[in-house]
Amino acid sequence: MTTLRPFTCEDMFKFNNVNLDPLTETYGLPFYMQYLAHWPEYFQVAESPSGEIMGYIMGKAEGRGDQWHGHVTALSVAPQYRRLGLAATLMKNLEEISEKKHCFFVDLFVRVSNKVAVAMYEKLGYTVYRRVLEYYSGEVDEDAFDMRKALSRDVEKKSVIPLEHPVKPEELE
């Protein structure tokens, strides 16, 4: 049986099997530590009965006023544990935390080329709010979709009304 539990410092030595996917953004240890220190409730791991990390989610709450929202910084599941519903479970957990914090919506950024992830997020109720030009840097810069899901506080669903034109990363709030 899979266990969802808070991410710990020791997990940083055990989650390479999850982070070695080419579509997974990886960060330096100080970045992970910052999230663990500031938003520990948003940093969760899915663990197998044998203690192997199957996947994790890292996020935060940010913004002001009607832009107060939960943000998914990273979501990744090890290849051998995909298609078991782990990503959906981790996302639901983050959404529940965001509801408790009275957020208006949850957002995330995903590579436009990552069709599998985009389809999964759409299945979970997320919609494309806007396109962010050249958000991901690399040999060839790649655009991202800013996808959003309104939470119960956004009764009129204003937070998910799509923008008509793409934006540049420096234009993000």
N, C-alpha and C. Protein backbone atom coordinates (compact mmCIF):
# COMPACT_ATOMS: atom_id res chain seq x y z
N MET A 1 0.84 -1.18 0.00
CA MET A 1 0.00 0.00 0.00
C MET A 1 0.89 1.25 0.00
N THR A 2 0.52 2.21 -0.82
CA THR A 2 1.26 3.47 -0.93
C THR A 2 0.96 4.37 0.26
N THR A 3 1.99 5.01 0.77
CA THR A 3 1.83 5.96 1.86
C THR A 3 2.16 7.36 1.37
N LEU A 4 1.28 8.32 1.65
CA LEU A 4 1.58 9.73 1.42
C LEU A 4 2.06 10.29 2.74
N ARG A 5 3.19 10.96 2.69
CA ARG A 5 3.74 11.52 3.92
C ARG A 5 4.52 12.79 3.58
N PRO A 6 4.83 13.59 4.61
CA PRO A 6 5.64 14.79 4.36
C PRO A 6 7.03 14.42 3.86
N PHE A 7 7.55 15.22 2.96
CA PHE A 7 8.92 15.09 2.48
C PHE A 7 9.86 15.45 3.63
N THR A 8 10.98 14.73 3.76
CA THR A 8 11.97 15.01 4.79
C THR A 8 13.33 15.28 4.13
N CYS A 9 14.23 15.82 4.89
CA CYS A 9 15.59 16.08 4.37
C CYS A 9 16.24 14.80 3.86
N GLU A 10 16.02 13.69 4.54
CA GLU A 10 16.63 12.42 4.13
C GLU A 10 16.14 11.98 2.75
N ASP A 11 14.94 12.41 2.36
CA ASP A 11 14.39 12.01 1.06
C ASP A 11 15.21 12.55 -0.10
N MET A 12 15.97 13.63 0.14
CA MET A 12 16.79 14.19 -0.94
C MET A 12 17.88 13.23 -1.38
N PHE A 13 18.19 12.25 -0.54
CA PHE A 13 19.19 11.26 -0.90
C PHE A 13 18.55 10.02 -1.53
N LYS A 14 17.22 10.02 -1.64
CA LYS A 14 16.51 8.82 -2.12
C LYS A 14 15.60 9.08 -3.32
N PHE A 15 15.55 10.31 -3.83
CA PHE A 15 14.55 10.56 -4.88
C PHE A 15 15.12 10.72 -6.28
N ASN A 16 16.37 10.28 -6.50
CA ASN A 16 16.94 10.35 -7.84
C ASN A 16 16.16 9.50 -8.84
N ASN A 17 15.61 8.36 -8.40
CA ASN A 17 14.83 7.51 -9.33
C ASN A 17 13.64 8.27 -9.90
N VAL A 18 13.16 9.27 -9.20
CA VAL A 18 12.03 10.07 -9.66
C VAL A 18 12.53 11.24 -10.52
N ASN A 19 13.64 11.82 -10.14
CA ASN A 19 14.14 13.03 -10.80
C ASN A 19 14.90 12.79 -12.09
N LEU A 20 15.20 11.54 -12.43
CA LEU A 20 16.01 11.28 -13.61
C LEU A 20 15.23 11.33 -14.93
N ASP A 21 13.97 11.66 -14.88
CA ASP A 21 13.14 11.79 -16.07
C ASP A 21 13.53 13.09 -16.79
N PRO A 22 13.70 13.06 -18.12
CA PRO A 22 14.09 14.28 -18.84
C PRO A 22 13.06 15.41 -18.77
N LEU A 23 11.79 15.10 -18.49
CA LEU A 23 10.78 16.14 -18.39
C LEU A 23 10.62 16.69 -16.97
N THR A 24 11.35 16.12 -16.03
CA THR A 24 11.29 16.59 -14.64
C THR A 24 12.33 17.69 -14.44
N GLU A 25 11.86 18.83 -13.96
CA GLU A 25 12.77 19.91 -13.62
C GLU A 25 13.48 19.53 -12.33
N THR A 26 14.79 19.65 -12.30
CA THR A 26 15.54 19.38 -11.08
C THR A 26 16.17 20.68 -10.60
N TYR A 27 16.36 20.77 -9.31
CA TYR A 27 16.84 21.99 -8.70
C TYR A 27 18.00 21.67 -7.77
N GLY A 28 18.70 22.69 -7.33
CA GLY A 28 19.77 22.52 -6.36
C GLY A 28 19.20 22.26 -4.97
N LEU A 29 20.00 21.67 -4.11
CA LEU A 29 19.55 21.35 -2.75
C LEU A 29 18.99 22.57 -2.00
N PRO A 30 19.59 23.76 -2.12
CA PRO A 30 19.03 24.90 -1.39
C PRO A 30 17.58 25.22 -1.80
N PHE A 31 17.26 24.98 -3.06
CA PHE A 31 15.89 25.23 -3.52
C PHE A 31 14.90 24.29 -2.82
N TYR A 32 15.24 22.99 -2.78
CA TYR A 32 14.37 22.03 -2.10
C TYR A 32 14.27 22.37 -0.62
N MET A 33 15.37 22.76 -0.01
CA MET A 33 15.38 23.10 1.41
C MET A 33 14.51 24.32 1.70
N GLN A 34 14.52 25.28 0.78
CA GLN A 34 13.68 26.48 0.94
C GLN A 34 12.21 26.08 0.99
N TYR A 35 11.79 25.22 0.08
CA TYR A 35 10.39 24.77 0.06
C TYR A 35 10.06 23.98 1.31
N LEU A 36 10.98 23.14 1.73
CA LEU A 36 10.76 22.32 2.91
C LEU A 36 10.62 23.21 4.16
N ALA A 37 11.40 24.28 4.22
CA ALA A 37 11.36 25.19 5.37
C ALA A 37 10.13 26.10 5.35
N HIS A 38 9.76 26.61 4.18
CA HIS A 38 8.68 27.60 4.08
C HIS A 38 7.29 27.00 3.87
N TRP A 39 7.20 25.92 3.12
CA TRP A 39 5.90 25.33 2.78
C TRP A 39 5.91 23.82 2.98
N PRO A 40 6.23 23.33 4.17
CA PRO A 40 6.35 21.88 4.38
C PRO A 40 5.06 21.12 4.10
N GLU A 41 3.91 21.75 4.33
CA GLU A 41 2.63 21.08 4.08
C GLU A 41 2.41 20.81 2.60
N TYR A 42 3.09 21.57 1.73
CA TYR A 42 2.95 21.42 0.28
C TYR A 42 3.99 20.46 -0.32
N PHE A 43 4.87 19.93 0.49
CA PHE A 43 5.94 19.08 0.00
C PHE A 43 5.67 17.66 0.50
N GLN A 44 5.12 16.82 -0.38
CA GLN A 44 4.68 15.48 -0.01
C GLN A 44 5.35 14.43 -0.89
N VAL A 45 5.48 13.24 -0.35
CA VAL A 45 6.08 12.14 -1.07
C VAL A 45 5.13 10.93 -1.03
N ALA A 46 5.13 10.18 -2.12
CA ALA A 46 4.42 8.89 -2.16
C ALA A 46 5.49 7.82 -2.00
N GLU A 47 5.31 6.96 -0.99
CA GLU A 47 6.32 5.96 -0.66
C GLU A 47 5.74 4.57 -0.77
N SER A 48 6.53 3.65 -1.34
CA SER A 48 6.11 2.25 -1.47
C SER A 48 6.26 1.55 -0.12
N PRO A 49 5.65 0.36 0.04
CA PRO A 49 5.80 -0.39 1.29
C PRO A 49 7.27 -0.72 1.62
N SER A 50 8.11 -0.80 0.58
CA SER A 50 9.53 -1.11 0.81
C SER A 50 10.35 0.14 1.14
N GLY A 51 9.70 1.31 1.13
CA GLY A 51 10.39 2.56 1.45
C GLY A 51 10.93 3.31 0.26
N GLU A 52 10.66 2.82 -0.95
CA GLU A 52 11.12 3.51 -2.16
C GLU A 52 10.22 4.71 -2.45
N ILE A 53 10.82 5.81 -2.85
CA ILE A 53 10.02 6.97 -3.24
C ILE A 53 9.45 6.72 -4.63
N MET A 54 8.13 6.78 -4.70
CA MET A 54 7.42 6.53 -5.95
C MET A 54 7.18 7.83 -6.71
N GLY A 55 7.03 8.93 -5.98
CA GLY A 55 6.78 10.23 -6.58
C GLY A 55 6.72 11.29 -5.49
N TYR A 56 6.68 12.54 -5.94
CA TYR A 56 6.57 13.63 -4.98
C TYR A 56 5.91 14.84 -5.62
N ILE A 57 5.43 15.73 -4.76
CA ILE A 57 4.89 17.01 -5.20
C ILE A 57 5.46 18.09 -4.31
N MET A 58 5.79 19.21 -4.92
CA MET A 58 6.35 20.34 -4.19
C MET A 58 5.59 21.58 -4.64
N GLY A 59 5.11 22.36 -3.69
CA GLY A 59 4.36 23.55 -4.05
C GLY A 59 4.42 24.59 -2.97
N LYS A 60 3.58 25.60 -3.13
CA LYS A 60 3.53 26.70 -2.17
C LYS A 60 2.23 27.47 -2.34
N ALA A 61 1.97 28.36 -1.40
CA ALA A 61 0.85 29.30 -1.50
C ALA A 61 1.47 30.68 -1.70
N GLU A 62 0.90 31.45 -2.63
CA GLU A 62 1.46 32.77 -2.94
C GLU A 62 0.39 33.67 -3.53
N GLY A 63 0.73 34.95 -3.68
CA GLY A 63 -0.17 35.92 -4.27
C GLY A 63 -0.88 36.76 -3.22
N ARG A 64 -1.67 37.71 -3.71
CA ARG A 64 -2.43 38.61 -2.84
C ARG A 64 -3.83 38.79 -3.39
N GLY A 65 -4.75 39.09 -2.49
CA GLY A 65 -6.12 39.34 -2.90
C GLY A 65 -6.69 38.16 -3.66
N ASP A 66 -7.35 38.45 -4.78
CA ASP A 66 -7.96 37.37 -5.55
C ASP A 66 -6.93 36.57 -6.37
N GLN A 67 -5.66 36.90 -6.21
CA GLN A 67 -4.58 36.13 -6.83
C GLN A 67 -3.91 35.19 -5.82
N TRP A 68 -4.47 35.09 -4.60
CA TRP A 68 -3.97 34.17 -3.58
C TRP A 68 -4.23 32.75 -4.08
N HIS A 69 -3.18 31.96 -4.26
CA HIS A 69 -3.36 30.65 -4.88
C HIS A 69 -2.31 29.64 -4.43
N GLY A 70 -2.63 28.38 -4.66
CA GLY A 70 -1.68 27.30 -4.50
C GLY A 70 -0.94 27.14 -5.81
N HIS A 71 0.34 26.85 -5.72
CA HIS A 71 1.15 26.69 -6.93
C HIS A 71 1.89 25.36 -6.87
N VAL A 72 1.82 24.60 -7.95
CA VAL A 72 2.56 23.34 -8.07
C VAL A 72 3.91 23.67 -8.71
N THR A 73 4.96 23.55 -7.93
CA THR A 73 6.31 23.82 -8.44
C THR A 73 6.86 22.60 -9.17
N ALA A 74 6.63 21.43 -8.61
CA ALA A 74 7.12 20.19 -9.23
C ALA A 74 6.20 19.04 -8.84
N LEU A 75 5.93 18.20 -9.81
CA LEU A 75 5.19 16.95 -9.61
C LEU A 75 5.87 15.91 -10.47
N SER A 76 6.30 14.83 -9.86
CA SER A 76 6.97 13.79 -10.64
C SER A 76 6.71 12.43 -10.02
N VAL A 77 6.54 11.46 -10.89
CA VAL A 77 6.34 10.07 -10.48
C VAL A 77 7.37 9.23 -11.23
N ALA A 78 8.04 8.33 -10.52
CA ALA A 78 9.03 7.45 -11.14
C ALA A 78 8.37 6.64 -12.26
N PRO A 79 9.08 6.41 -13.36
CA PRO A 79 8.49 5.71 -14.51
C PRO A 79 7.79 4.40 -14.18
N GLN A 80 8.34 3.60 -13.29
CA GLN A 80 7.74 2.29 -12.97
C GLN A 80 6.46 2.40 -12.16
N TYR A 81 6.14 3.62 -11.67
CA TYR A 81 4.92 3.80 -10.86
C TYR A 81 3.88 4.68 -11.56
N ARG A 82 4.09 4.96 -12.82
CA ARG A 82 3.14 5.80 -13.55
C ARG A 82 1.90 5.00 -13.93
N ARG A 83 0.84 5.73 -14.20
CA ARG A 83 -0.46 5.16 -14.59
C ARG A 83 -1.12 4.39 -13.46
N LEU A 84 -0.78 4.74 -12.22
CA LEU A 84 -1.41 4.14 -11.05
C LEU A 84 -2.28 5.15 -10.30
N GLY A 85 -2.32 6.37 -10.81
CA GLY A 85 -3.12 7.41 -10.16
C GLY A 85 -2.38 8.18 -9.08
N LEU A 86 -1.06 7.97 -8.96
CA LEU A 86 -0.30 8.67 -7.93
C LEU A 86 -0.27 10.18 -8.14
N ALA A 87 -0.06 10.60 -9.38
CA ALA A 87 -0.02 12.04 -9.66
C ALA A 87 -1.36 12.69 -9.30
N ALA A 88 -2.45 12.03 -9.65
CA ALA A 88 -3.78 12.57 -9.31
C ALA A 88 -3.96 12.65 -7.80
N THR A 89 -3.49 11.66 -7.08
CA THR A 89 -3.60 11.66 -5.61
C THR A 89 -2.78 12.79 -5.01
N LEU A 90 -1.56 12.96 -5.49
CA LEU A 90 -0.71 14.04 -4.99
C LEU A 90 -1.33 15.41 -5.32
N MET A 91 -1.88 15.56 -6.52
CA MET A 91 -2.53 16.82 -6.90
C MET A 91 -3.75 17.09 -6.01
N LYS A 92 -4.55 16.08 -5.76
CA LYS A 92 -5.74 16.25 -4.93
C LYS A 92 -5.34 16.71 -3.53
N ASN A 93 -4.28 16.15 -3.01
CA ASN A 93 -3.79 16.53 -1.69
C ASN A 93 -3.37 18.01 -1.68
N LEU A 94 -2.66 18.44 -2.70
CA LEU A 94 -2.24 19.83 -2.79
C LEU A 94 -3.45 20.75 -2.92
N GLU A 95 -4.44 20.34 -3.68
CA GLU A 95 -5.67 21.14 -3.82
C GLU A 95 -6.39 21.27 -2.48
N GLU A 96 -6.44 20.18 -1.71
CA GLU A 96 -7.09 20.22 -0.40
C GLU A 96 -6.37 21.16 0.56
N ILE A 97 -5.05 21.15 0.53
CA ILE A 97 -4.27 22.07 1.36
C ILE A 97 -4.57 23.51 0.94
N SER A 98 -4.64 23.75 -0.38
CA SER A 98 -4.93 25.09 -0.88
C SER A 98 -6.34 25.54 -0.49
N GLU A 99 -7.29 24.63 -0.48
CA GLU A 99 -8.65 24.96 -0.02
C GLU A 99 -8.62 25.40 1.44
N LYS A 100 -7.88 24.67 2.27
CA LYS A 100 -7.79 25.00 3.70
C LYS A 100 -7.14 26.37 3.91
N LYS A 101 -6.28 26.78 2.98
CA LYS A 101 -5.63 28.08 3.06
C LYS A 101 -6.47 29.17 2.38
N HIS A 102 -7.67 28.81 1.97
CA HIS A 102 -8.62 29.74 1.34
C HIS A 102 -8.09 30.35 0.04
N CYS A 103 -7.38 29.55 -0.74
CA CYS A 103 -6.87 29.99 -2.03
C CYS A 103 -8.02 30.07 -3.04
N PHE A 104 -7.84 30.91 -4.04
CA PHE A 104 -8.83 31.05 -5.10
C PHE A 104 -8.66 29.99 -6.19
N PHE A 105 -7.41 29.57 -6.42
CA PHE A 105 -7.14 28.60 -7.49
C PHE A 105 -5.80 27.92 -7.23
N VAL A 106 -5.53 26.89 -8.01
CA VAL A 106 -4.22 26.24 -8.05
C VAL A 106 -3.70 26.41 -9.47
N ASP A 107 -2.42 26.74 -9.59
CA ASP A 107 -1.83 26.84 -10.92
C ASP A 107 -0.55 26.04 -11.00
N LEU A 108 -0.11 25.82 -12.24
CA LEU A 108 1.12 25.08 -12.52
C LEU A 108 1.58 25.45 -13.92
N PHE A 109 2.84 25.19 -14.18
CA PHE A 109 3.40 25.40 -15.51
C PHE A 109 3.82 24.05 -16.05
N VAL A 110 3.55 23.81 -17.32
CA VAL A 110 3.89 22.55 -17.96
C VAL A 110 4.37 22.83 -19.38
N ARG A 111 5.35 22.06 -19.81
CA ARG A 111 5.85 22.22 -21.19
C ARG A 111 4.72 21.97 -22.18
N VAL A 112 4.62 22.83 -23.18
CA VAL A 112 3.61 22.67 -24.22
C VAL A 112 3.76 21.31 -24.91
N SER A 113 5.00 20.84 -25.06
CA SER A 113 5.25 19.57 -25.74
C SER A 113 4.90 18.35 -24.89
N ASN A 114 4.67 18.53 -23.61
CA ASN A 114 4.40 17.40 -22.72
C ASN A 114 2.90 17.07 -22.77
N LYS A 115 2.51 16.48 -23.88
CA LYS A 115 1.09 16.20 -24.16
C LYS A 115 0.47 15.27 -23.11
N VAL A 116 1.23 14.30 -22.63
CA VAL A 116 0.69 13.37 -21.62
C VAL A 116 0.33 14.12 -20.35
N ALA A 117 1.23 15.00 -19.89
CA ALA A 117 0.96 15.76 -18.67
C ALA A 117 -0.19 16.74 -18.88
N VAL A 118 -0.22 17.42 -20.02
CA VAL A 118 -1.31 18.37 -20.30
C VAL A 118 -2.65 17.63 -20.26
N ALA A 119 -2.72 16.47 -20.89
CA ALA A 119 -3.96 15.68 -20.89
C ALA A 119 -4.34 15.23 -19.48
N MET A 120 -3.35 14.85 -18.68
CA MET A 120 -3.64 14.44 -17.30
C MET A 120 -4.20 15.61 -16.51
N TYR A 121 -3.58 16.77 -16.62
CA TYR A 121 -4.07 17.94 -15.89
C TYR A 121 -5.48 18.33 -16.34
N GLU A 122 -5.74 18.24 -17.64
CA GLU A 122 -7.09 18.52 -18.13
C GLU A 122 -8.10 17.55 -17.53
N LYS A 123 -7.72 16.29 -17.44
CA LYS A 123 -8.59 15.27 -16.83
C LYS A 123 -8.87 15.60 -15.36
N LEU A 124 -7.91 16.25 -14.70
CA LEU A 124 -8.07 16.64 -13.30
C LEU A 124 -8.82 17.96 -13.14
N GLY A 125 -9.25 18.56 -14.26
CA GLY A 125 -10.04 19.78 -14.18
C GLY A 125 -9.29 21.07 -14.43
N TYR A 126 -8.04 20.98 -14.85
CA TYR A 126 -7.25 22.17 -15.14
C TYR A 126 -7.48 22.62 -16.57
N THR A 127 -7.40 23.92 -16.79
CA THR A 127 -7.53 24.48 -18.13
C THR A 127 -6.34 25.40 -18.40
N VAL A 128 -6.06 25.61 -19.68
CA VAL A 128 -4.96 26.51 -20.04
C VAL A 128 -5.43 27.94 -19.83
N TYR A 129 -4.76 28.63 -18.93
CA TYR A 129 -5.06 30.03 -18.65
C TYR A 129 -4.30 30.95 -19.61
N ARG A 130 -3.05 30.60 -19.88
CA ARG A 130 -2.24 31.40 -20.81
C ARG A 130 -1.02 30.60 -21.24
N ARG A 131 -0.43 31.05 -22.31
CA ARG A 131 0.82 30.48 -22.82
C ARG A 131 1.95 31.42 -22.41
N VAL A 132 3.04 30.87 -21.89
CA VAL A 132 4.19 31.67 -21.50
C VAL A 132 5.32 31.35 -22.47
N LEU A 133 5.71 32.36 -23.24
CA LEU A 133 6.71 32.17 -24.29
C LEU A 133 8.10 31.91 -23.70
N GLU A 134 8.77 30.89 -24.23
CA GLU A 134 10.15 30.56 -23.87
C GLU A 134 10.36 30.49 -22.36
N TYR A 135 9.43 29.88 -21.66
CA TYR A 135 9.50 29.74 -20.21
C TYR A 135 10.62 28.80 -19.78
N TYR A 136 10.75 27.68 -20.51
CA TYR A 136 11.78 26.69 -20.21
C TYR A 136 13.00 26.95 -21.07
N SER A 137 14.16 27.08 -20.44
CA SER A 137 15.37 27.32 -21.22
C SER A 137 16.10 26.00 -21.46
N GLY A 138 16.82 25.97 -22.54
CA GLY A 138 17.57 24.78 -22.92
C GLY A 138 18.24 25.02 -24.24
N GLU A 139 18.62 23.93 -24.92
CA GLU A 139 19.22 24.09 -26.25
C GLU A 139 18.25 24.86 -27.14
N VAL A 140 16.97 24.51 -27.02
CA VAL A 140 15.90 25.26 -27.68
C VAL A 140 14.92 25.64 -26.58
N ASP A 141 14.69 26.94 -26.40
CA ASP A 141 13.74 27.37 -25.38
C ASP A 141 12.35 26.87 -25.74
N GLU A 142 11.57 26.59 -24.72
CA GLU A 142 10.24 26.02 -24.95
C GLU A 142 9.17 26.79 -24.19
N ASP A 143 8.02 26.92 -24.82
CA ASP A 143 6.88 27.58 -24.18
C ASP A 143 6.26 26.68 -23.12
N ALA A 144 5.56 27.33 -22.19
CA ALA A 144 4.83 26.60 -21.16
C ALA A 144 3.37 27.01 -21.21
N PHE A 145 2.51 26.11 -20.78
CA PHE A 145 1.13 26.46 -20.49
C PHE A 145 1.06 26.76 -19.00
N ASP A 146 0.42 27.86 -18.65
CA ASP A 146 0.05 28.14 -17.26
C ASP A 146 -1.36 27.58 -17.15
N MET A 147 -1.49 26.47 -16.44
CA MET A 147 -2.79 25.81 -16.30
C MET A 147 -3.34 26.09 -14.90
N ARG A 148 -4.66 26.27 -14.83
CA ARG A 148 -5.30 26.61 -13.57
C ARG A 148 -6.57 25.81 -13.33
N LYS A 149 -6.86 25.68 -12.05
CA LYS A 149 -8.11 25.07 -11.61
C LYS A 149 -8.68 25.95 -10.51
N ALA A 150 -9.90 26.42 -10.70
CA ALA A 150 -10.54 27.26 -9.69
C ALA A 150 -10.91 26.41 -8.47
N LEU A 151 -10.77 27.00 -7.29
CA LEU A 151 -11.18 26.36 -6.05
C LEU A 151 -12.50 26.97 -5.59
N SER A 152 -13.04 26.47 -4.50
CA SER A 152 -14.38 26.86 -4.06
C SER A 152 -14.50 28.35 -3.73
N ARG A 153 -13.41 28.98 -3.33
CA ARG A 153 -13.48 30.41 -3.00
C ARG A 153 -13.74 31.27 -4.24
N ASP A 154 -13.33 30.80 -5.41
CA ASP A 154 -13.55 31.53 -6.66
C ASP A 154 -14.90 31.10 -7.24
N VAL A 155 -15.94 31.59 -6.63
CA VAL A 155 -17.30 31.18 -6.98
C VAL A 155 -17.61 31.46 -8.45
N GLU A 156 -17.16 32.61 -8.95
CA GLU A 156 -17.46 32.99 -10.34
C GLU A 156 -16.43 32.46 -11.34
N LYS A 157 -15.44 31.73 -10.87
CA LYS A 157 -14.40 31.12 -11.71
C LYS A 157 -13.63 32.16 -12.54
N LYS A 158 -13.45 33.36 -11.98
CA LYS A 158 -12.73 34.42 -12.69
C LYS A 158 -11.26 34.09 -12.90
N SER A 159 -10.70 33.30 -12.00
CA SER A 159 -9.26 33.01 -12.06
C SER A 159 -8.87 32.13 -13.24
N VAL A 160 -9.84 31.49 -13.86
CA VAL A 160 -9.52 30.56 -14.95
C VAL A 160 -9.99 31.05 -16.32
N ILE A 161 -10.44 32.29 -16.40
CA ILE A 161 -10.83 32.84 -17.70
C ILE A 161 -9.55 33.03 -18.52
N PRO A 162 -9.41 32.33 -19.64
CA PRO A 162 -8.14 32.35 -20.39
C PRO A 162 -7.79 33.74 -20.92
N LEU A 163 -6.50 34.03 -20.93
CA LEU A 163 -6.01 35.25 -21.55
C LEU A 163 -5.92 35.01 -23.05
N GLU A 164 -6.16 36.05 -23.83
CA GLU A 164 -6.18 35.89 -25.28
C GLU A 164 -4.79 35.84 -25.90
N HIS A 165 -3.82 36.50 -25.26
CA HIS A 165 -2.49 36.60 -25.86
C HIS A 165 -1.44 35.97 -24.95
N PRO A 166 -0.38 35.38 -25.55
CA PRO A 166 0.69 34.83 -24.73
C PRO A 166 1.46 35.93 -24.00
N VAL A 167 2.18 35.54 -22.96
CA VAL A 167 2.99 36.47 -22.18
C VAL A 167 4.43 35.98 -22.15
N LYS A 168 5.33 36.88 -21.80
CA LYS A 168 6.74 36.54 -21.62
C LYS A 168 6.98 36.26 -20.14
N PRO A 169 7.99 35.47 -19.81
CA PRO A 169 8.25 35.16 -18.39
C PRO A 169 8.37 36.40 -17.51
N GLU A 170 8.98 37.46 -18.01
CA GLU A 170 9.14 38.66 -17.20
C GLU A 170 7.82 39.40 -16.93
N GLU A 171 6.76 39.00 -17.65
CA GLU A 171 5.44 39.61 -17.43
C GLU A 171 4.60 38.86 -16.40
N LEU A 172 5.12 37.75 -15.89
CA LEU A 172 4.37 36.98 -14.90
C LEU A 172 4.33 37.73 -13.58
N GLU A 173 3.17 37.62 -12.89
CA GLU A 173 3.06 38.26 -11.58
C GLU A 173 3.88 37.52 -10.58
